[in-house]
N, C-alpha and C. Protein backbone atom coordinates (compact mmCIF):
# COMPACT_ATOMS: atom_id res chain seq x y z
N MET A 1 64.47 43.64 89.36
CA MET A 1 64.54 42.37 88.67
C MET A 1 65.72 41.56 89.19
N ALA A 2 65.50 40.26 89.38
CA ALA A 2 66.57 39.39 89.85
C ALA A 2 67.67 39.29 88.80
N ASP A 3 68.90 39.15 89.27
CA ASP A 3 70.02 39.07 88.34
C ASP A 3 70.17 37.70 87.71
N LYS A 4 69.81 36.64 88.45
CA LYS A 4 70.04 35.27 87.99
C LYS A 4 68.78 34.42 88.18
N LEU A 5 68.73 33.36 87.40
CA LEU A 5 67.66 32.37 87.46
C LEU A 5 68.20 31.14 88.16
N HIS A 6 67.51 30.65 89.18
CA HIS A 6 67.94 29.40 89.80
C HIS A 6 67.45 28.26 88.92
N PHE A 7 68.36 27.34 88.56
CA PHE A 7 68.05 26.25 87.64
C PHE A 7 68.51 24.92 88.21
N ASP A 8 67.60 23.93 88.16
CA ASP A 8 67.92 22.56 88.56
C ASP A 8 67.60 21.64 87.39
N LEU A 9 68.54 20.75 87.06
CA LEU A 9 68.33 19.72 86.04
C LEU A 9 68.57 18.38 86.71
N VAL A 10 67.49 17.57 86.73
CA VAL A 10 67.54 16.30 87.45
C VAL A 10 67.09 15.18 86.54
N SER A 11 67.83 14.07 86.55
CA SER A 11 67.42 12.86 85.86
C SER A 11 67.33 11.76 86.91
N PRO A 12 66.77 10.60 86.58
CA PRO A 12 66.68 9.53 87.57
C PRO A 12 68.05 9.10 88.11
N GLU A 13 69.08 9.23 87.29
CA GLU A 13 70.41 8.78 87.71
C GLU A 13 71.14 9.78 88.60
N ARG A 14 70.91 11.09 88.33
CA ARG A 14 71.70 12.08 89.07
C ARG A 14 71.16 13.49 88.85
N ARG A 15 71.60 14.38 89.70
CA ARG A 15 71.35 15.81 89.49
C ARG A 15 72.51 16.32 88.64
N LEU A 16 72.17 16.79 87.45
CA LEU A 16 73.20 17.23 86.52
C LEU A 16 73.63 18.67 86.76
N PHE A 17 72.70 19.48 87.27
CA PHE A 17 73.03 20.88 87.49
C PHE A 17 72.12 21.46 88.55
N ALA A 18 72.68 22.29 89.39
CA ALA A 18 71.92 23.10 90.35
C ALA A 18 72.73 24.37 90.57
N GLY A 19 72.12 25.49 90.19
CA GLY A 19 72.83 26.75 90.37
C GLY A 19 72.11 27.90 89.71
N ASP A 20 72.73 29.05 89.74
CA ASP A 20 72.16 30.26 89.17
C ASP A 20 72.77 30.54 87.81
N VAL A 21 71.90 30.86 86.84
CA VAL A 21 72.31 31.11 85.45
C VAL A 21 71.58 32.34 84.93
N ASP A 22 71.97 32.77 83.73
CA ASP A 22 71.32 33.92 83.11
C ASP A 22 70.03 33.53 82.39
N GLN A 23 70.07 32.41 81.65
CA GLN A 23 68.91 32.00 80.85
C GLN A 23 69.03 30.52 80.51
N VAL A 24 67.86 29.88 80.33
CA VAL A 24 67.81 28.50 79.85
C VAL A 24 66.78 28.44 78.73
N VAL A 25 67.15 27.80 77.61
CA VAL A 25 66.23 27.57 76.50
C VAL A 25 65.88 26.09 76.51
N VAL A 26 64.58 25.80 76.52
CA VAL A 26 64.07 24.45 76.72
C VAL A 26 63.25 24.01 75.51
N PRO A 27 63.44 22.76 75.03
CA PRO A 27 62.60 22.26 73.94
C PRO A 27 61.26 21.76 74.50
N GLY A 28 60.29 22.63 74.52
CA GLY A 28 58.97 22.27 75.02
C GLY A 28 58.16 21.55 73.94
N GLU A 29 57.14 20.86 74.35
CA GLU A 29 56.32 20.12 73.40
C GLU A 29 55.66 21.04 72.38
N GLU A 30 55.36 22.28 72.78
CA GLU A 30 54.72 23.23 71.86
C GLU A 30 55.71 24.20 71.24
N GLY A 31 57.01 23.94 71.40
CA GLY A 31 58.04 24.79 70.84
C GLY A 31 59.07 25.16 71.89
N ASP A 32 60.21 25.64 71.43
CA ASP A 32 61.27 26.06 72.35
C ASP A 32 60.82 27.29 73.11
N PHE A 33 61.24 27.37 74.37
CA PHE A 33 60.94 28.57 75.16
C PHE A 33 62.16 28.91 76.01
N GLY A 34 62.37 30.21 76.19
CA GLY A 34 63.46 30.69 77.02
C GLY A 34 62.94 31.11 78.37
N VAL A 35 63.73 30.83 79.40
CA VAL A 35 63.36 31.21 80.76
C VAL A 35 64.44 32.13 81.31
N LEU A 36 64.00 33.30 81.74
CA LEU A 36 64.87 34.31 82.34
C LEU A 36 64.47 34.48 83.80
N PRO A 37 65.26 35.19 84.59
CA PRO A 37 64.86 35.48 85.97
C PRO A 37 63.47 36.13 86.01
N GLU A 38 62.68 35.79 87.00
CA GLU A 38 61.34 36.31 87.25
C GLU A 38 60.34 35.97 86.13
N HIS A 39 60.58 34.85 85.46
CA HIS A 39 59.66 34.38 84.42
C HIS A 39 58.32 34.01 85.07
N ALA A 40 57.24 34.17 84.33
CA ALA A 40 55.91 33.79 84.83
C ALA A 40 55.87 32.27 85.06
N PRO A 41 55.21 31.83 86.12
CA PRO A 41 55.12 30.40 86.41
C PRO A 41 54.32 29.64 85.34
N PHE A 42 54.80 28.45 85.01
CA PHE A 42 54.07 27.53 84.13
C PHE A 42 54.78 26.19 84.11
N MET A 43 54.12 25.19 83.49
CA MET A 43 54.71 23.86 83.30
C MET A 43 54.64 23.50 81.83
N SER A 44 55.58 22.66 81.39
CA SER A 44 55.58 22.19 80.01
C SER A 44 56.14 20.78 79.95
N VAL A 45 55.57 19.98 79.06
CA VAL A 45 56.15 18.68 78.73
C VAL A 45 57.34 18.96 77.82
N ILE A 46 58.39 18.16 77.97
CA ILE A 46 59.60 18.33 77.18
C ILE A 46 59.58 17.37 75.99
N ARG A 47 59.99 17.89 74.83
CA ARG A 47 60.18 17.00 73.69
C ARG A 47 61.69 16.70 73.60
N PRO A 48 62.06 15.60 72.94
CA PRO A 48 63.49 15.30 72.84
C PRO A 48 64.24 16.42 72.14
N GLY A 49 65.35 16.82 72.73
CA GLY A 49 66.16 17.90 72.16
C GLY A 49 67.17 18.38 73.18
N ALA A 50 67.85 19.45 72.84
CA ALA A 50 68.90 19.98 73.72
C ALA A 50 68.40 21.22 74.45
N ILE A 51 68.67 21.27 75.74
CA ILE A 51 68.47 22.51 76.48
C ILE A 51 69.77 23.29 76.35
N THR A 52 69.65 24.60 76.35
CA THR A 52 70.81 25.47 76.28
C THR A 52 70.83 26.31 77.54
N VAL A 53 71.92 26.20 78.30
CA VAL A 53 72.08 26.96 79.53
C VAL A 53 73.11 28.05 79.26
N MET A 54 72.69 29.31 79.47
CA MET A 54 73.57 30.45 79.23
C MET A 54 73.89 31.13 80.56
N ASN A 55 75.18 31.31 80.77
CA ASN A 55 75.63 31.98 81.98
C ASN A 55 76.88 32.79 81.65
N GLY A 56 76.73 34.10 81.66
CA GLY A 56 77.85 34.96 81.26
C GLY A 56 78.17 34.69 79.80
N ASN A 57 79.44 34.44 79.51
CA ASN A 57 79.88 34.13 78.15
C ASN A 57 79.85 32.64 77.85
N GLU A 58 79.43 31.83 78.81
CA GLU A 58 79.44 30.37 78.64
C GLU A 58 78.06 29.86 78.24
N THR A 59 78.07 28.90 77.32
CA THR A 59 76.86 28.22 76.89
C THR A 59 77.10 26.73 76.96
N GLU A 60 76.18 26.01 77.60
CA GLU A 60 76.31 24.55 77.72
C GLU A 60 75.02 23.91 77.24
N LYS A 61 75.16 22.85 76.45
CA LYS A 61 73.99 22.15 75.93
C LYS A 61 73.94 20.73 76.48
N THR A 62 72.72 20.31 76.81
CA THR A 62 72.48 18.98 77.32
C THR A 62 71.28 18.39 76.60
N PHE A 63 71.43 17.17 76.08
CA PHE A 63 70.31 16.48 75.43
C PHE A 63 69.38 15.96 76.52
N ILE A 64 68.09 16.24 76.36
CA ILE A 64 67.11 15.70 77.29
C ILE A 64 66.03 14.95 76.52
N HIS A 65 65.56 13.90 77.14
CA HIS A 65 64.55 13.05 76.51
C HIS A 65 63.47 12.77 77.56
N GLY A 66 62.29 13.28 77.28
CA GLY A 66 61.17 13.05 78.19
C GLY A 66 61.25 13.87 79.46
N GLY A 67 60.11 14.09 80.06
CA GLY A 67 60.08 14.78 81.33
C GLY A 67 59.28 16.07 81.28
N PHE A 68 59.48 16.89 82.31
CA PHE A 68 58.72 18.12 82.49
C PHE A 68 59.64 19.26 82.89
N ALA A 69 59.23 20.45 82.52
CA ALA A 69 59.90 21.67 82.97
C ALA A 69 58.87 22.46 83.78
N GLU A 70 59.28 22.94 84.94
CA GLU A 70 58.39 23.73 85.78
C GLU A 70 59.08 25.03 86.16
N VAL A 71 58.41 26.14 85.86
CA VAL A 71 58.90 27.46 86.25
C VAL A 71 58.05 27.92 87.43
N THR A 72 58.70 28.27 88.52
CA THR A 72 58.03 28.79 89.71
C THR A 72 58.75 30.08 90.11
N PRO A 73 58.22 30.79 91.11
CA PRO A 73 58.95 31.97 91.58
C PRO A 73 60.37 31.63 92.07
N ALA A 74 60.60 30.37 92.45
CA ALA A 74 61.93 29.96 92.92
C ALA A 74 62.90 29.69 91.78
N GLY A 75 62.39 29.51 90.53
CA GLY A 75 63.28 29.25 89.40
C GLY A 75 62.73 28.18 88.47
N LEU A 76 63.61 27.56 87.70
CA LEU A 76 63.27 26.53 86.72
C LEU A 76 63.79 25.19 87.19
N THR A 77 62.92 24.19 87.16
CA THR A 77 63.32 22.82 87.45
C THR A 77 62.94 21.96 86.26
N ILE A 78 63.89 21.19 85.77
CA ILE A 78 63.62 20.22 84.71
C ILE A 78 63.83 18.84 85.31
N LEU A 79 62.76 18.03 85.23
CA LEU A 79 62.82 16.63 85.63
C LEU A 79 62.81 15.84 84.34
N ALA A 80 63.97 15.38 83.92
CA ALA A 80 64.12 14.70 82.64
C ALA A 80 64.21 13.20 82.84
N GLU A 81 63.56 12.45 81.95
CA GLU A 81 63.68 11.00 82.00
C GLU A 81 65.11 10.58 81.70
N GLU A 82 65.77 11.35 80.83
CA GLU A 82 67.17 11.09 80.48
C GLU A 82 67.82 12.42 80.14
N ALA A 83 69.04 12.62 80.60
CA ALA A 83 69.79 13.84 80.32
C ALA A 83 71.25 13.49 80.12
N ILE A 84 71.81 13.93 78.98
CA ILE A 84 73.19 13.62 78.64
C ILE A 84 73.85 14.89 78.10
N PRO A 85 74.93 15.37 78.74
CA PRO A 85 75.64 16.51 78.17
C PRO A 85 76.08 16.18 76.73
N LEU A 86 75.88 17.12 75.80
CA LEU A 86 76.25 16.86 74.41
C LEU A 86 77.72 16.49 74.27
N SER A 87 78.54 17.02 75.16
CA SER A 87 79.97 16.73 75.11
C SER A 87 80.27 15.25 75.40
N GLU A 88 79.32 14.53 75.97
CA GLU A 88 79.52 13.11 76.30
C GLU A 88 78.96 12.17 75.23
N ILE A 89 78.35 12.71 74.18
CA ILE A 89 77.76 11.87 73.14
C ILE A 89 78.78 11.59 72.05
N ASP A 90 79.00 10.31 71.75
CA ASP A 90 79.91 9.87 70.70
C ASP A 90 79.11 9.79 69.40
N ALA A 91 79.40 10.67 68.45
CA ALA A 91 78.63 10.76 67.21
C ALA A 91 78.69 9.47 66.40
N ASP A 92 79.84 8.80 66.36
CA ASP A 92 79.96 7.56 65.61
C ASP A 92 79.13 6.44 66.24
N LYS A 93 79.18 6.33 67.55
CA LYS A 93 78.38 5.32 68.24
C LYS A 93 76.89 5.62 68.07
N LEU A 94 76.54 6.89 68.12
CA LEU A 94 75.15 7.29 67.93
C LEU A 94 74.66 6.90 66.54
N ALA A 95 75.48 7.12 65.52
CA ALA A 95 75.10 6.74 64.15
C ALA A 95 74.87 5.23 64.05
N GLN A 96 75.72 4.46 64.71
CA GLN A 96 75.55 3.00 64.70
C GLN A 96 74.30 2.59 65.46
N ASP A 97 74.06 3.22 66.61
CA ASP A 97 72.85 2.92 67.39
C ASP A 97 71.58 3.22 66.58
N LEU A 98 71.61 4.32 65.83
CA LEU A 98 70.46 4.68 64.99
C LEU A 98 70.26 3.65 63.88
N ALA A 99 71.33 3.24 63.23
CA ALA A 99 71.23 2.23 62.17
C ALA A 99 70.69 0.92 62.74
N ASP A 100 71.17 0.53 63.93
CA ASP A 100 70.69 -0.70 64.57
C ASP A 100 69.20 -0.60 64.90
N ALA A 101 68.78 0.55 65.41
CA ALA A 101 67.37 0.72 65.77
C ALA A 101 66.48 0.65 64.53
N ARG A 102 66.95 1.22 63.43
CA ARG A 102 66.18 1.15 62.17
C ARG A 102 66.05 -0.29 61.69
N GLU A 103 67.14 -1.06 61.82
CA GLU A 103 67.08 -2.48 61.46
C GLU A 103 66.13 -3.24 62.37
N ASP A 104 66.12 -2.87 63.65
CA ASP A 104 65.24 -3.54 64.61
C ASP A 104 63.77 -3.34 64.27
N ILE A 105 63.44 -2.21 63.65
CA ILE A 105 62.04 -1.97 63.26
C ILE A 105 61.60 -3.04 62.26
N THR A 106 62.43 -3.29 61.24
CA THR A 106 62.04 -4.26 60.22
C THR A 106 62.13 -5.69 60.74
N ALA A 107 62.98 -5.94 61.72
CA ALA A 107 63.15 -7.29 62.25
C ALA A 107 62.19 -7.59 63.41
N ALA A 108 61.44 -6.61 63.84
CA ALA A 108 60.56 -6.79 65.01
C ALA A 108 59.55 -7.91 64.77
N LYS A 109 59.38 -8.75 65.80
CA LYS A 109 58.45 -9.87 65.72
C LYS A 109 57.13 -9.59 66.43
N SER A 110 57.05 -8.44 67.07
CA SER A 110 55.81 -8.07 67.76
C SER A 110 55.62 -6.56 67.68
N ASP A 111 54.39 -6.14 67.94
CA ASP A 111 54.12 -4.70 67.96
C ASP A 111 54.95 -4.00 69.03
N GLU A 112 55.12 -4.66 70.16
CA GLU A 112 55.89 -4.07 71.26
C GLU A 112 57.35 -3.85 70.85
N GLU A 113 57.95 -4.84 70.21
CA GLU A 113 59.34 -4.70 69.75
C GLU A 113 59.46 -3.58 68.72
N ARG A 114 58.50 -3.51 67.78
CA ARG A 114 58.53 -2.47 66.75
C ARG A 114 58.38 -1.08 67.37
N GLU A 115 57.43 -0.93 68.30
CA GLU A 115 57.21 0.37 68.96
C GLU A 115 58.43 0.81 69.74
N HIS A 116 59.10 -0.15 70.40
CA HIS A 116 60.31 0.18 71.15
C HIS A 116 61.40 0.67 70.19
N ALA A 117 61.59 -0.04 69.08
CA ALA A 117 62.60 0.36 68.10
C ALA A 117 62.27 1.71 67.48
N GLU A 118 60.98 1.96 67.19
CA GLU A 118 60.58 3.25 66.63
C GLU A 118 60.86 4.39 67.61
N ALA A 119 60.62 4.15 68.89
CA ALA A 119 60.90 5.17 69.90
C ALA A 119 62.39 5.46 69.98
N LEU A 120 63.22 4.42 69.84
CA LEU A 120 64.67 4.64 69.84
C LEU A 120 65.11 5.44 68.62
N VAL A 121 64.51 5.17 67.47
CA VAL A 121 64.85 5.93 66.26
C VAL A 121 64.55 7.42 66.47
N VAL A 122 63.37 7.72 67.03
CA VAL A 122 63.00 9.12 67.30
C VAL A 122 64.02 9.76 68.24
N LYS A 123 64.38 9.04 69.30
CA LYS A 123 65.35 9.57 70.27
C LYS A 123 66.71 9.80 69.62
N PHE A 124 67.22 8.81 68.87
CA PHE A 124 68.54 8.93 68.27
C PHE A 124 68.58 10.02 67.20
N GLU A 125 67.49 10.18 66.44
CA GLU A 125 67.44 11.25 65.45
C GLU A 125 67.44 12.62 66.14
N ALA A 126 66.76 12.73 67.27
CA ALA A 126 66.77 13.99 68.02
C ALA A 126 68.17 14.28 68.58
N MET A 127 68.87 13.24 68.99
CA MET A 127 70.24 13.42 69.48
C MET A 127 71.15 13.91 68.36
N GLN A 128 71.00 13.31 67.17
CA GLN A 128 71.80 13.77 66.03
C GLN A 128 71.50 15.22 65.69
N ALA A 129 70.24 15.58 65.70
CA ALA A 129 69.86 16.97 65.40
C ALA A 129 70.46 17.92 66.43
N ALA A 130 70.47 17.52 67.70
CA ALA A 130 71.04 18.36 68.75
C ALA A 130 72.54 18.53 68.56
N LEU A 131 73.21 17.48 68.13
CA LEU A 131 74.65 17.57 67.89
C LEU A 131 74.95 18.46 66.68
N ALA A 132 74.08 18.42 65.67
CA ALA A 132 74.31 19.19 64.45
C ALA A 132 74.01 20.68 64.63
N ALA A 133 73.20 21.01 65.60
CA ALA A 133 72.79 22.41 65.79
C ALA A 133 73.90 23.27 66.36
């Protein structure tokens, strides 16, 4: 059995991580799943939430929003629409952004504006849940 899992985390802005780790827990659309070395190949859509990367005694969490996770014999690759290390999220600013998005829902003048605001509320609530966990 391989000792480590090769893991890549990529967003449109940058590659956030590339390296070997012990395990990654991913918020899949059908539930959280853990990936260890030599995991069976598969793909999953990602739901908003935090991935947990475990390596030795270190654990790092990153909020991801949208995208796909692919497990191959070479390892795990996550292509996220957005990825933000939890350590970079300002809880006070996030609370204000969530309140603003909720106000935008009621102030929306079109279906498009309302749907955009609703999507932001879902994203910001998932970010808060990730911070609280």
